[in-house]
Amino acid sequence: MNAANSDDLDVGHDLEITKTTRRAVGAGTWVSGTLSGHRFEALVFPEHADNPEWEIGDSRISKLWIQRLADKREVFNWDRGPDRLAADDTTLQIVAFLAGGLADYIYS
């Protein structure tokens, strides 16, 4: 998986997918993992959402939760729309990294 741009080279270098679970009903896979001192859970789809507003950009991610491991603080949450905006620049870079290639990584 590649970072969203060259400024983000450090984000994602330690990506570890810890669990993938296909949904029992309908398409989609739950993906859990860690990267850059954060834990995440994402619901990723093989195809784009019927409503483009339900996914983060062009990512095929409709749900994404990110927690900073150092203090266990939720730093981002997206559930078919923004629930908690990114807490800082590192979180923005993590979201961009995952949105830029997680679905391709899972479904390739």
PDB file of N, CA and C in Angstrom:
ATOM      1  N   MET A   1       0.849  -1.179   0.000  1.00  0.00           N
ATOM      2  CA  MET A   1       0.000   0.000   0.000  1.00  0.00           C
ATOM      3  C   MET A   1       0.889   1.234   0.000  1.00  0.00           C
ATOM      4  N   ASN A   2       0.533   2.238  -0.786  1.00  0.00           N
ATOM      5  CA  ASN A   2       1.331   3.460  -0.872  1.00  0.00           C
ATOM      6  C   ASN A   2       0.666   4.586  -0.116  1.00  0.00           C
ATOM      7  N   ALA A   3       1.490   5.476   0.421  1.00  0.00           N
ATOM      8  CA  ALA A   3       0.968   6.649   1.113  1.00  0.00           C
ATOM      9  C   ALA A   3       0.284   7.562   0.105  1.00  0.00           C
ATOM     10  N   ALA A   4      -0.579   8.436   0.611  1.00  0.00           N
ATOM     11  CA  ALA A   4      -1.339   9.322  -0.253  1.00  0.00           C
ATOM     12  C   ALA A   4      -0.431  10.285  -1.016  1.00  0.00           C
ATOM     13  N   ASN A   5       0.660  10.730  -0.398  1.00  0.00           N
ATOM     14  CA  ASN A   5       1.627  11.555  -1.101  1.00  0.00           C
ATOM     15  C   ASN A   5       2.996  11.371  -0.466  1.00  0.00           C
ATOM     16  N   SER A   6       4.019  11.945  -1.070  1.00  0.00           N
ATOM     17  CA  SER A   6       5.383  11.700  -0.618  1.00  0.00           C
ATOM     18  C   SER A   6       5.670  12.287   0.754  1.00  0.00           C
ATOM     19  N   ASP A   7       4.888  13.261   1.228  1.00  0.00           N
ATOM     20  CA  ASP A   7       5.101  13.827   2.552  1.00  0.00           C
ATOM     21  C   ASP A   7       4.721  12.849   3.656  1.00  0.00           C
ATOM     22  N   ASP A   8       3.976  11.812   3.319  1.00  0.00           N
ATOM     23  CA  ASP A   8       3.451  10.875   4.300  1.00  0.00           C
ATOM     24  C   ASP A   8       4.268   9.585   4.376  1.00  0.00           C
ATOM     25  N   LEU A   9       5.538   9.606   3.982  1.00  0.00           N
ATOM     26  CA  LEU A   9       6.311   8.383   3.869  1.00  0.00           C
ATOM     27  C   LEU A   9       6.398   7.595   5.167  1.00  0.00           C
ATOM     28  N   ASP A  10       6.428   8.247   6.318  1.00  0.00           N
ATOM     29  CA  ASP A  10       6.535   7.532   7.585  1.00  0.00           C
ATOM     30  C   ASP A  10       5.217   6.899   8.008  1.00  0.00           C
ATOM     31  N   VAL A  11       4.097   7.478   7.622  1.00  0.00           N
ATOM     32  CA  VAL A  11       2.796   6.949   8.002  1.00  0.00           C
ATOM     33  C   VAL A  11       2.550   5.664   7.223  1.00  0.00           C
ATOM     34  N   GLY A  12       2.261   4.614   7.960  1.00  0.00           N
ATOM     35  CA  GLY A  12       1.926   3.351   7.327  1.00  0.00           C
ATOM     36  C   GLY A  12       3.082   2.397   7.148  1.00  0.00           C
ATOM     37  N   HIS A  13       4.310   2.832   7.423  1.00  0.00           N
ATOM     38  CA  HIS A  13       5.455   1.924   7.246  1.00  0.00           C
ATOM     39  C   HIS A  13       5.344   0.701   8.150  1.00  0.00           C
ATOM     40  N   ASP A  14       4.591   0.841   9.232  1.00  0.00           N
ATOM     41  CA  ASP A  14       4.438  -0.261  10.189  1.00  0.00           C
ATOM     42  C   ASP A  14       3.016  -0.832  10.184  1.00  0.00           C
ATOM     43  N   LEU A  15       2.306  -0.654   9.081  1.00  0.00           N
ATOM     44  CA  LEU A  15       0.935  -1.167   8.983  1.00  0.00           C
ATOM     45  C   LEU A  15       0.904  -2.657   9.298  1.00  0.00           C
ATOM     46  N   GLU A  16       0.016  -3.026  10.208  1.00  0.00           N
ATOM     47  CA  GLU A  16      -0.209  -4.433  10.520  1.00  0.00           C
ATOM     48  C   GLU A  16      -1.713  -4.691  10.526  1.00  0.00           C
ATOM     49  N   ILE A  17      -2.153  -5.564   9.643  1.00  0.00           N
ATOM     50  CA  ILE A  17      -3.554  -5.981   9.631  1.00  0.00           C
ATOM     51  C   ILE A  17      -3.649  -7.131  10.631  1.00  0.00           C
ATOM     52  N   THR A  18      -4.445  -6.945  11.679  1.00  0.00           N
ATOM     53  CA  THR A  18      -4.531  -7.961  12.732  1.00  0.00           C
ATOM     54  C   THR A  18      -5.710  -8.899  12.550  1.00  0.00           C
ATOM     55  N   LYS A  19      -6.737  -8.447  11.799  1.00  0.00           N
ATOM     56  CA  LYS A  19      -7.905  -9.296  11.618  1.00  0.00           C
ATOM     57  C   LYS A  19      -8.733  -8.796  10.438  1.00  0.00           C
ATOM     58  N   THR A  20      -9.239  -9.728   9.646  1.00  0.00           N
ATOM     59  CA  THR A  20     -10.221  -9.391   8.614  1.00  0.00           C
ATOM     60  C   THR A  20     -11.395 -10.346   8.781  1.00  0.00           C
ATOM     61  N   THR A  21     -12.601  -9.801   8.696  1.00  0.00           N
ATOM     62  CA  THR A  21     -13.814 -10.596   8.857  1.00  0.00           C
ATOM     63  C   THR A  21     -14.805 -10.196   7.784  1.00  0.00           C
ATOM     64  N   ARG A  22     -15.139 -11.132   6.911  1.00  0.00           N
ATOM     65  CA  ARG A  22     -16.169 -10.871   5.899  1.00  0.00           C
ATOM     66  C   ARG A  22     -17.516 -10.787   6.601  1.00  0.00           C
ATOM     67  N   ARG A  23     -18.328  -9.832   6.186  1.00  0.00           N
ATOM     68  CA  ARG A  23     -19.666  -9.698   6.762  1.00  0.00           C
ATOM     69  C   ARG A  23     -20.499 -10.909   6.376  1.00  0.00           C
ATOM     70  N   ALA A  24     -21.332 -11.361   7.297  1.00  0.00           N
ATOM     71  CA  ALA A  24     -22.195 -12.524   7.048  1.00  0.00           C
ATOM     72  C   ALA A  24     -23.271 -12.214   6.015  1.00  0.00           C
ATOM     73  N   VAL A  25     -23.755 -10.988   6.028  1.00  0.00           N
ATOM     74  CA  VAL A  25     -24.812 -10.574   5.100  1.00  0.00           C
ATOM     75  C   VAL A  25     -24.296  -9.389   4.287  1.00  0.00           C
ATOM     76  N   GLY A  26     -24.435  -9.465   2.977  1.00  0.00           N
ATOM     77  CA  GLY A  26     -24.008  -8.373   2.117  1.00  0.00           C
ATOM     78  C   GLY A  26     -22.503  -8.364   1.902  1.00  0.00           C
ATOM     79  N   ALA A  27     -22.066  -7.418   1.107  1.00  0.00           N
ATOM     80  CA  ALA A  27     -20.644  -7.285   0.813  1.00  0.00           C
ATOM     81  C   ALA A  27     -19.939  -6.586   1.960  1.00  0.00           C
ATOM     82  N   GLY A  28     -18.650  -6.534   1.883  1.00  0.00           N
ATOM     83  CA  GLY A  28     -17.874  -5.785   2.869  1.00  0.00           C
ATOM     84  C   GLY A  28     -17.066  -6.676   3.777  1.00  0.00           C
ATOM     85  N   THR A  29     -15.954  -6.118   4.229  1.00  0.00           N
ATOM     86  CA  THR A  29     -15.043  -6.801   5.137  1.00  0.00           C
ATOM     87  C   THR A  29     -14.650  -5.848   6.248  1.00  0.00           C
ATOM     88  N   TRP A  30     -14.755  -6.317   7.488  1.00  0.00           N
ATOM     89  CA  TRP A  30     -14.233  -5.559   8.618  1.00  0.00           C
ATOM     90  C   TRP A  30     -12.742  -5.816   8.698  1.00  0.00           C
ATOM     91  N   VAL A  31     -11.968  -4.743   8.825  1.00  0.00           N
ATOM     92  CA  VAL A  31     -10.512  -4.834   8.889  1.00  0.00           C
ATOM     93  C   VAL A  31     -10.055  -4.147  10.168  1.00  0.00           C
ATOM     94  N   SER A  32      -9.265  -4.856  10.968  1.00  0.00           N
ATOM     95  CA  SER A  32      -8.675  -4.285  12.180  1.00  0.00           C
ATOM     96  C   SER A  32      -7.168  -4.288  12.014  1.00  0.00           C
ATOM     97  N   GLY A  33      -6.525  -3.280  12.583  1.00  0.00           N
ATOM     98  CA  GLY A  33      -5.080  -3.241  12.489  1.00  0.00           C
ATOM     99  C   GLY A  33      -4.490  -2.100  13.287  1.00  0.00           C
ATOM    100  N   THR A  34      -3.178  -1.952  13.116  1.00  0.00           N
ATOM    101  CA  THR A  34      -2.441  -0.883  13.785  1.00  0.00           C
ATOM    102  C   THR A  34      -1.483  -0.238  12.786  1.00  0.00           C
ATOM    103  N   LEU A  35      -1.178   1.022  13.021  1.00  0.00           N
ATOM    104  CA  LEU A  35      -0.141   1.730  12.295  1.00  0.00           C
ATOM    105  C   LEU A  35       0.156   3.041  12.984  1.00  0.00           C
ATOM    106  N   SER A  36       1.401   3.437  12.939  1.00  0.00           N
ATOM    107  CA  SER A  36       1.844   4.745  13.436  1.00  0.00           C
ATOM    108  C   SER A  36       1.323   5.051  14.833  1.00  0.00           C
ATOM    109  N   GLY A  37       1.347   4.067  15.730  1.00  0.00           N
ATOM    110  CA  GLY A  37       0.913   4.285  17.107  1.00  0.00           C
ATOM    111  C   GLY A  37      -0.586   4.398  17.285  1.00  0.00           C
ATOM    112  N   HIS A  38      -1.352   3.896  16.332  1.00  0.00           N
ATOM    113  CA  HIS A  38      -2.809   3.965  16.372  1.00  0.00           C
ATOM    114  C   HIS A  38      -3.415   2.609  16.051  1.00  0.00           C
ATOM    115  N   ARG A  39      -4.613   2.391  16.554  1.00  0.00           N
ATOM    116  CA  ARG A  39      -5.395   1.195  16.237  1.00  0.00           C
ATOM    117  C   ARG A  39      -6.569   1.653  15.389  1.00  0.00           C
ATOM    118  N   PHE A  40      -6.980   0.810  14.428  1.00  0.00           N
ATOM    119  CA  PHE A  40      -8.116   1.192  13.594  1.00  0.00           C
ATOM    120  C   PHE A  40      -9.013  -0.013  13.333  1.00  0.00           C
ATOM    121  N   GLU A  41     -10.254   0.294  13.026  1.00  0.00           N
ATOM    122  CA  GLU A  41     -11.227  -0.670  12.528  1.00  0.00           C
ATOM    123  C   GLU A  41     -11.933   0.001  11.364  1.00  0.00           C
ATOM    124  N   ALA A  42     -12.052  -0.741  10.255  1.00  0.00           N
ATOM    125  CA  ALA A  42     -12.651  -0.170   9.048  1.00  0.00           C
ATOM    126  C   ALA A  42     -13.588  -1.178   8.403  1.00  0.00           C
ATOM    127  N   LEU A  43     -14.662  -0.685   7.827  1.00  0.00           N
ATOM    128  CA  LEU A  43     -15.541  -1.503   7.015  1.00  0.00           C
ATOM    129  C   LEU A  43     -15.269  -1.113   5.567  1.00  0.00           C
ATOM    130  N   VAL A  44     -14.713  -2.069   4.820  1.00  0.00           N
ATOM    131  CA  VAL A  44     -14.210  -1.831   3.469  1.00  0.00           C
ATOM    132  C   VAL A  44     -15.033  -2.656   2.484  1.00  0.00           C
ATOM    133  N   PHE A  45     -15.300  -2.077   1.330  1.00  0.00           N
ATOM    134  CA  PHE A  45     -16.133  -2.744   0.321  1.00  0.00           C
ATOM    135  C   PHE A  45     -15.369  -2.940  -0.985  1.00  0.00           C
ATOM    136  N   PRO A  46     -15.755  -3.972  -1.752  1.00  0.00           N
ATOM    137  CA  PRO A  46     -15.114  -4.199  -3.048  1.00  0.00           C
ATOM    138  C   PRO A  46     -15.569  -3.192  -4.107  1.00  0.00           C
ATOM    139  N   GLU A  47     -16.735  -2.591  -3.912  1.00  0.00           N
ATOM    140  CA  GLU A  47     -17.293  -1.620  -4.858  1.00  0.00           C
ATOM    141  C   GLU A  47     -17.587  -0.316  -4.121  1.00  0.00           C
ATOM    142  N   HIS A  48     -17.782   0.750  -4.887  1.00  0.00           N
ATOM    143  CA  HIS A  48     -18.118   2.037  -4.287  1.00  0.00           C
ATOM    144  C   HIS A  48     -19.549   2.033  -3.756  1.00  0.00           C
ATOM    145  N   ALA A  49     -19.805   2.876  -2.776  1.00  0.00           N
ATOM    146  CA  ALA A  49     -21.132   3.013  -2.178  1.00  0.00           C
ATOM    147  C   ALA A  49     -22.119   3.577  -3.189  1.00  0.00           C
ATOM    148  N   ASP A  50     -23.388   3.189  -3.055  1.00  0.00           N
ATOM    149  CA  ASP A  50     -24.444   3.749  -3.898  1.00  0.00           C
ATOM    150  C   ASP A  50     -24.502   5.268  -3.739  1.00  0.00           C
ATOM    151  N   ASN A  51     -24.320   5.733  -2.528  1.00  0.00           N
ATOM    152  CA  ASN A  51     -24.288   7.158  -2.234  1.00  0.00           C
ATOM    153  C   ASN A  51     -22.835   7.541  -1.938  1.00  0.00           C
ATOM    154  N   PRO A  52     -22.192   8.339  -2.788  1.00  0.00           N
ATOM    155  CA  PRO A  52     -20.783   8.690  -2.584  1.00  0.00           C
ATOM    156  C   PRO A  52     -20.485   9.346  -1.236  1.00  0.00           C
ATOM    157  N   GLU A  53     -21.489   9.968  -0.622  1.00  0.00           N
ATOM    158  CA  GLU A  53     -21.285  10.618   0.672  1.00  0.00           C
ATOM    159  C   GLU A  53     -21.058   9.615   1.794  1.00  0.00           C
ATOM    160  N   TRP A  54     -21.350   8.345   1.563  1.00  0.00           N
ATOM    161  CA  TRP A  54     -21.203   7.319   2.590  1.00  0.00           C
ATOM    162  C   TRP A  54     -19.769   6.839   2.759  1.00  0.00           C
ATOM    163  N   GLU A  55     -18.905   7.119   1.774  1.00  0.00           N
ATOM    164  CA  GLU A  55     -17.530   6.654   1.900  1.00  0.00           C
ATOM    165  C   GLU A  55     -16.568   7.831   2.003  1.00  0.00           C
ATOM    166  N   ILE A  56     -15.413   7.560   2.568  1.00  0.00           N
ATOM    167  CA  ILE A  56     -14.394   8.594   2.724  1.00  0.00           C
ATOM    168  C   ILE A  56     -13.754   8.820   1.361  1.00  0.00           C
ATOM    169  N   GLY A  57     -14.059   9.946   0.761  1.00  0.00           N
ATOM    170  CA  GLY A  57     -13.521  10.241  -0.568  1.00  0.00           C
ATOM    171  C   GLY A  57     -13.889   9.163  -1.562  1.00  0.00           C
ATOM    172  N   ASP A  58     -12.871   8.618  -2.213  1.00  0.00           N
ATOM    173  CA  ASP A  58     -13.055   7.580  -3.221  1.00  0.00           C
ATOM    174  C   ASP A  58     -12.483   6.256  -2.705  1.00  0.00           C
ATOM    175  N   SER A  59     -12.643   6.000  -1.405  1.00  0.00           N
ATOM    176  CA  SER A  59     -11.894   4.950  -0.708  1.00  0.00           C
ATOM    177  C   SER A  59     -12.557   3.580  -0.626  1.00  0.00           C
ATOM    178  N   ARG A  60     -13.851   3.507  -0.786  1.00  0.00           N
ATOM    179  CA  ARG A  60     -14.638   2.293  -0.541  1.00  0.00           C
ATOM    180  C   ARG A  60     -14.646   1.912   0.945  1.00  0.00           C
ATOM    181  N   ILE A  61     -14.350   2.883   1.811  1.00  0.00           N
ATOM    182  CA  ILE A  61     -14.432   2.707   3.270  1.00  0.00           C
ATOM    183  C   ILE A  61     -15.666   3.466   3.742  1.00  0.00           C
ATOM    184  N   SER A  62     -16.632   2.747   4.350  1.00  0.00           N
ATOM    185  CA  SER A  62     -17.840   3.422   4.827  1.00  0.00           C
ATOM    186  C   SER A  62     -17.813   3.651   6.331  1.00  0.00           C
ATOM    187  N   LYS A  63     -16.955   2.926   7.035  1.00  0.00           N
ATOM    188  CA  LYS A  63     -16.806   3.117   8.478  1.00  0.00           C
ATOM    189  C   LYS A  63     -15.323   3.022   8.807  1.00  0.00           C
ATOM    190  N   LEU A  64     -14.837   3.987   9.588  1.00  0.00           N
ATOM    191  CA  LEU A  64     -13.446   3.990  10.020  1.00  0.00           C
ATOM    192  C   LEU A  64     -13.355   4.617  11.392  1.00  0.00           C
ATOM    193  N   TRP A  65     -12.802   3.859  12.318  1.00  0.00           N
ATOM    194  CA  TRP A  65     -12.591   4.316  13.691  1.00  0.00           C
ATOM    195  C   TRP A  65     -11.104   4.213  13.977  1.00  0.00           C
ATOM    196  N   ILE A  66     -10.533   5.293  14.546  1.00  0.00           N
ATOM    197  CA  ILE A  66      -9.103   5.309  14.860  1.00  0.00           C
ATOM    198  C   ILE A  66      -8.916   5.748  16.305  1.00  0.00           C
ATOM    199  N   GLN A  67      -8.050   5.017  17.004  1.00  0.00           N
ATOM    200  CA  GLN A  67      -7.732   5.308  18.404  1.00  0.00           C
ATOM    201  C   GLN A  67      -6.217   5.442  18.554  1.00  0.00           C
ATOM    202  N   ARG A  68      -5.772   6.493  19.230  1.00  0.00           N
ATOM    203  CA  ARG A  68      -4.351   6.653  19.538  1.00  0.00           C
ATOM    204  C   ARG A  68      -4.010   5.713  20.691  1.00  0.00           C
ATOM    205  N   LEU A  69      -2.994   4.875  20.512  1.00  0.00           N
ATOM    206  CA  LEU A  69      -2.654   3.873  21.521  1.00  0.00           C
ATOM    207  C   LEU A  69      -2.071   4.480  22.791  1.00  0.00           C
ATOM    208  N   ALA A  70      -1.335   5.566  22.689  1.00  0.00           N
ATOM    209  CA  ALA A  70      -0.655   6.151  23.851  1.00  0.00           C
ATOM    210  C   ALA A  70      -1.621   6.540  24.964  1.00  0.00           C
ATOM    211  N   ASP A  71      -2.773   7.101  24.614  1.00  0.00           N
ATOM    212  CA  ASP A  71      -3.723   7.548  25.631  1.00  0.00           C
ATOM    213  C   ASP A  71      -5.124   6.968  25.445  1.00  0.00           C
ATOM    214  N   LYS A  72      -5.271   6.035  24.495  1.00  0.00           N
ATOM    215  CA  LYS A  72      -6.550   5.362  24.207  1.00  0.00           C
ATOM    216  C   LYS A  72      -7.642   6.329  23.760  1.00  0.00           C
ATOM    217  N   ARG A  73      -7.254   7.498  23.265  1.00  0.00           N
ATOM    218  CA  ARG A  73      -8.221   8.516  22.822  1.00  0.00           C
ATOM    219  C   ARG A  73      -8.699   8.218  21.402  1.00  0.00           C
ATOM    220  N   GLU A  74     -10.004   8.279  21.192  1.00  0.00           N
ATOM    221  CA  GLU A  74     -10.565   8.202  19.843  1.00  0.00           C
ATOM    222  C   GLU A  74     -10.187   9.490  19.125  1.00  0.00           C
ATOM    223  N   VAL A  75      -9.518   9.351  17.977  1.00  0.00           N
ATOM    224  CA  VAL A  75      -9.044  10.538  17.269  1.00  0.00           C
ATOM    225  C   VAL A  75      -9.722  10.732  15.916  1.00  0.00           C
ATOM    226  N   PHE A  76     -10.556   9.760  15.501  1.00  0.00           N
ATOM    227  CA  PHE A  76     -11.303   9.886  14.255  1.00  0.00           C
ATOM    228  C   PHE A  76     -12.408   8.850  14.249  1.00  0.00           C
ATOM    229  N   ASN A  77     -13.570   9.246  13.708  1.00  0.00           N
ATOM    230  CA  ASN A  77     -14.649   8.283  13.508  1.00  0.00           C
ATOM    231  C   ASN A  77     -15.495   8.719  12.320  1.00  0.00           C
ATOM    232  N   TRP A  78     -15.704   7.771  11.423  1.00  0.00           N
ATOM    233  CA  TRP A  78     -16.528   7.989  10.229  1.00  0.00           C
ATOM    234  C   TRP A  78     -17.513   6.838  10.156  1.00  0.00           C
ATOM    235  N   ASP A  79     -18.794   7.142  10.103  1.00  0.00           N
ATOM    236  CA  ASP A  79     -19.830   6.119   9.961  1.00  0.00           C
ATOM    237  C   ASP A  79     -20.817   6.615   8.911  1.00  0.00           C
ATOM    238  N   ARG A  80     -20.481   6.356   7.634  1.00  0.00           N
ATOM    239  CA  ARG A  80     -21.241   6.874   6.490  1.00  0.00           C
ATOM    240  C   ARG A  80     -21.327   8.390   6.519  1.00  0.00           C
ATOM    241  N   GLY A  81     -20.386   9.000   7.147  1.00  0.00           N
ATOM    242  CA  GLY A  81     -20.275  10.444   7.291  1.00  0.00           C
ATOM    243  C   GLY A  81     -19.424  10.725   8.508  1.00  0.00           C
ATOM    244  N   PRO A  82     -18.935  11.949   8.642  1.00  0.00           N
ATOM    245  CA  PRO A  82     -18.039  12.269   9.755  1.00  0.00           C
ATOM    246  C   PRO A  82     -18.771  12.360  11.090  1.00  0.00           C
ATOM    247  N   ASP A  83     -18.304  11.564  12.060  1.00  0.00           N
ATOM    248  CA  ASP A  83     -18.806  11.658  13.433  1.00  0.00           C
ATOM    249  C   ASP A  83     -17.815  12.416  14.310  1.00  0.00           C
ATOM    250  N   ARG A  84     -16.523  12.136  14.123  1.00  0.00           N
ATOM    251  CA  ARG A  84     -15.455  12.842  14.833  1.00  0.00           C
ATOM    252  C   ARG A  84     -14.371  13.138  13.807  1.00  0.00           C
ATOM    253  N   LEU A  85     -14.110  14.423  13.597  1.00  0.00           N
ATOM    254  CA  LEU A  85     -13.079  14.817  12.644  1.00  0.00           C
ATOM    255  C   LEU A  85     -11.700  14.479  13.192  1.00  0.00           C
ATOM    256  N   ALA A  86     -10.721  14.407  12.324  1.00  0.00           N
ATOM    257  CA  ALA A  86      -9.353  14.064  12.719  1.00  0.00           C
ATOM    258  C   ALA A  86      -8.850  15.022  13.789  1.00  0.00           C
ATOM    259  N   ALA A  87      -8.264  14.450  14.843  1.00  0.00           N
ATOM    260  CA  ALA A  87      -7.821  15.232  15.986  1.00  0.00           C
ATOM    261  C   ALA A  87      -6.539  16.018  15.705  1.00  0.00           C
ATOM    262  N   ASP A  88      -5.716  15.568  14.751  1.00  0.00           N
ATOM    263  CA  ASP A  88      -4.435  16.229  14.489  1.00  0.00           C
ATOM    264  C   ASP A  88      -3.912  15.822  13.114  1.00  0.00           C
ATOM    265  N   ASP A  89      -2.758  16.367  12.746  1.00  0.00           N
ATOM    266  CA  ASP A  89      -2.178  16.095  11.428  1.00  0.00           C
ATOM    267  C   ASP A  89      -1.810  14.626  11.247  1.00  0.00           C
ATOM    268  N   THR A  90      -1.316  13.984  12.295  1.00  0.00           N
ATOM    269  CA  THR A  90      -0.974  12.563  12.189  1.00  0.00           C
ATOM    270  C   THR A  90      -2.215  11.754  11.846  1.00  0.00           C
ATOM    271  N   THR A  91      -3.315  12.050  12.500  1.00  0.00           N
ATOM    272  CA  THR A  91      -4.569  11.346  12.221  1.00  0.00           C
ATOM    273  C   THR A  91      -5.007  11.600  10.780  1.00  0.00           C
ATOM    274  N   LEU A  92      -4.900  12.831  10.313  1.00  0.00           N
ATOM    275  CA  LEU A  92      -5.239  13.139   8.917  1.00  0.00           C
ATOM    276  C   LEU A  92      -4.399  12.302   7.960  1.00  0.00           C
ATOM    277  N   GLN A  93      -3.116  12.150   8.257  1.00  0.00           N
ATOM    278  CA  GLN A  93      -2.233  11.359   7.401  1.00  0.00           C
ATOM    279  C   GLN A  93      -2.612   9.883   7.432  1.00  0.00           C
ATOM    280  N   ILE A  94      -3.011   9.382   8.590  1.00  0.00           N
ATOM    281  CA  ILE A  94      -3.444   7.983   8.704  1.00  0.00           C
ATOM    282  C   ILE A  94      -4.712   7.763   7.886  1.00  0.00           C
ATOM    283  N   VAL A  95      -5.671   8.672   8.026  1.00  0.00           N
ATOM    284  CA  VAL A  95      -6.919   8.563   7.256  1.00  0.00           C
ATOM    285  C   VAL A  95      -6.603   8.585   5.764  1.00  0.00           C
ATOM    286  N   ALA A  96      -5.748   9.505   5.329  1.00  0.00           N
ATOM    287  CA  ALA A  96      -5.391   9.601   3.906  1.00  0.00           C
ATOM    288  C   ALA A  96      -4.693   8.325   3.438  1.00  0.00           C
ATOM    289  N   PHE A  97      -3.818   7.777   4.256  1.00  0.00           N
ATOM    290  CA  PHE A  97      -3.105   6.550   3.903  1.00  0.00           C
ATOM    291  C   PHE A  97      -4.079   5.387   3.725  1.00  0.00           C
ATOM    292  N   LEU A  98      -4.975   5.199   4.695  1.00  0.00           N
ATOM    293  CA  LEU A  98      -5.941   4.102   4.617  1.00  0.00           C
ATOM    294  C   LEU A  98      -6.923   4.315   3.463  1.00  0.00           C
ATOM    295  N   ALA A  99      -7.401   5.542   3.300  1.00  0.00           N
ATOM    296  CA  ALA A  99      -8.334   5.840   2.214  1.00  0.00           C
ATOM    297  C   ALA A  99      -7.670   5.659   0.852  1.00  0.00           C
ATOM    298  N   GLY A 100      -6.376   5.846   0.796  1.00  0.00           N
ATOM    299  CA  GLY A 100      -5.656   5.746  -0.458  1.00  0.00           C
ATOM    300  C   GLY A 100      -5.388   4.343  -0.945  1.00  0.00           C
ATOM    301  N   GLY A 101      -5.602   3.321  -0.094  1.00  0.00           N
ATOM    302  CA  GLY A 101      -5.280   2.001  -0.594  1.00  0.00           C
ATOM    303  C   GLY A 101      -5.746   0.804   0.205  1.00  0.00           C
ATOM    304  N   LEU A 102      -6.445   0.987   1.310  1.00  0.00           N
ATOM    305  CA  LEU A 102      -6.858  -0.162   2.121  1.00  0.00           C
ATOM    306  C   LEU A 102      -7.779  -1.103   1.353  1.00  0.00           C
ATOM    307  N   ALA A 103      -8.755  -0.569   0.645  1.00  0.00           N
ATOM    308  CA  ALA A 103      -9.687  -1.425  -0.102  1.00  0.00           C
ATOM    309  C   ALA A 103      -8.946  -2.227  -1.171  1.00  0.00           C
ATOM    310  N   ASP A 104      -8.032  -1.593  -1.881  1.00  0.00           N
ATOM    311  CA  ASP A 104      -7.251  -2.310  -2.892  1.00  0.00           C
ATOM    312  C   ASP A 104      -6.406  -3.400  -2.242  1.00  0.00           C
ATOM    313  N   TYR A 105      -5.821  -3.105  -1.111  1.00  0.00           N
ATOM    314  CA  TYR A 105      -4.992  -4.083  -0.394  1.00  0.00           C
ATOM    315  C   TYR A 105      -5.818  -5.299   0.029  1.00  0.00           C
ATOM    316  N   ILE A 106      -7.004  -5.049   0.551  1.00  0.00           N
ATOM    317  CA  ILE A 106      -7.870  -6.143   1.050  1.00  0.00           C
ATOM    318  C   ILE A 106      -8.445  -6.947  -0.109  1.00  0.00           C
ATOM    319  N   TYR A 107      -8.826  -6.298  -1.189  1.00  0.00           N
ATOM    320  CA  TYR A 107      -9.521  -6.995  -2.277  1.00  0.00           C
ATOM    321  C   TYR A 107      -8.621  -7.339  -3.464  1.00  0.00           C
ATOM    322  N   SER A 108      -7.305  -7.220  -3.311  1.00  0.00           N
ATOM    323  CA  SER A 108      -6.423  -7.596  -4.433  1.00  0.00           C
ATOM    324  C   SER A 108      -5.956  -9.027  -4.299  1.00  0.00           C
TER     325      SER A 108
END
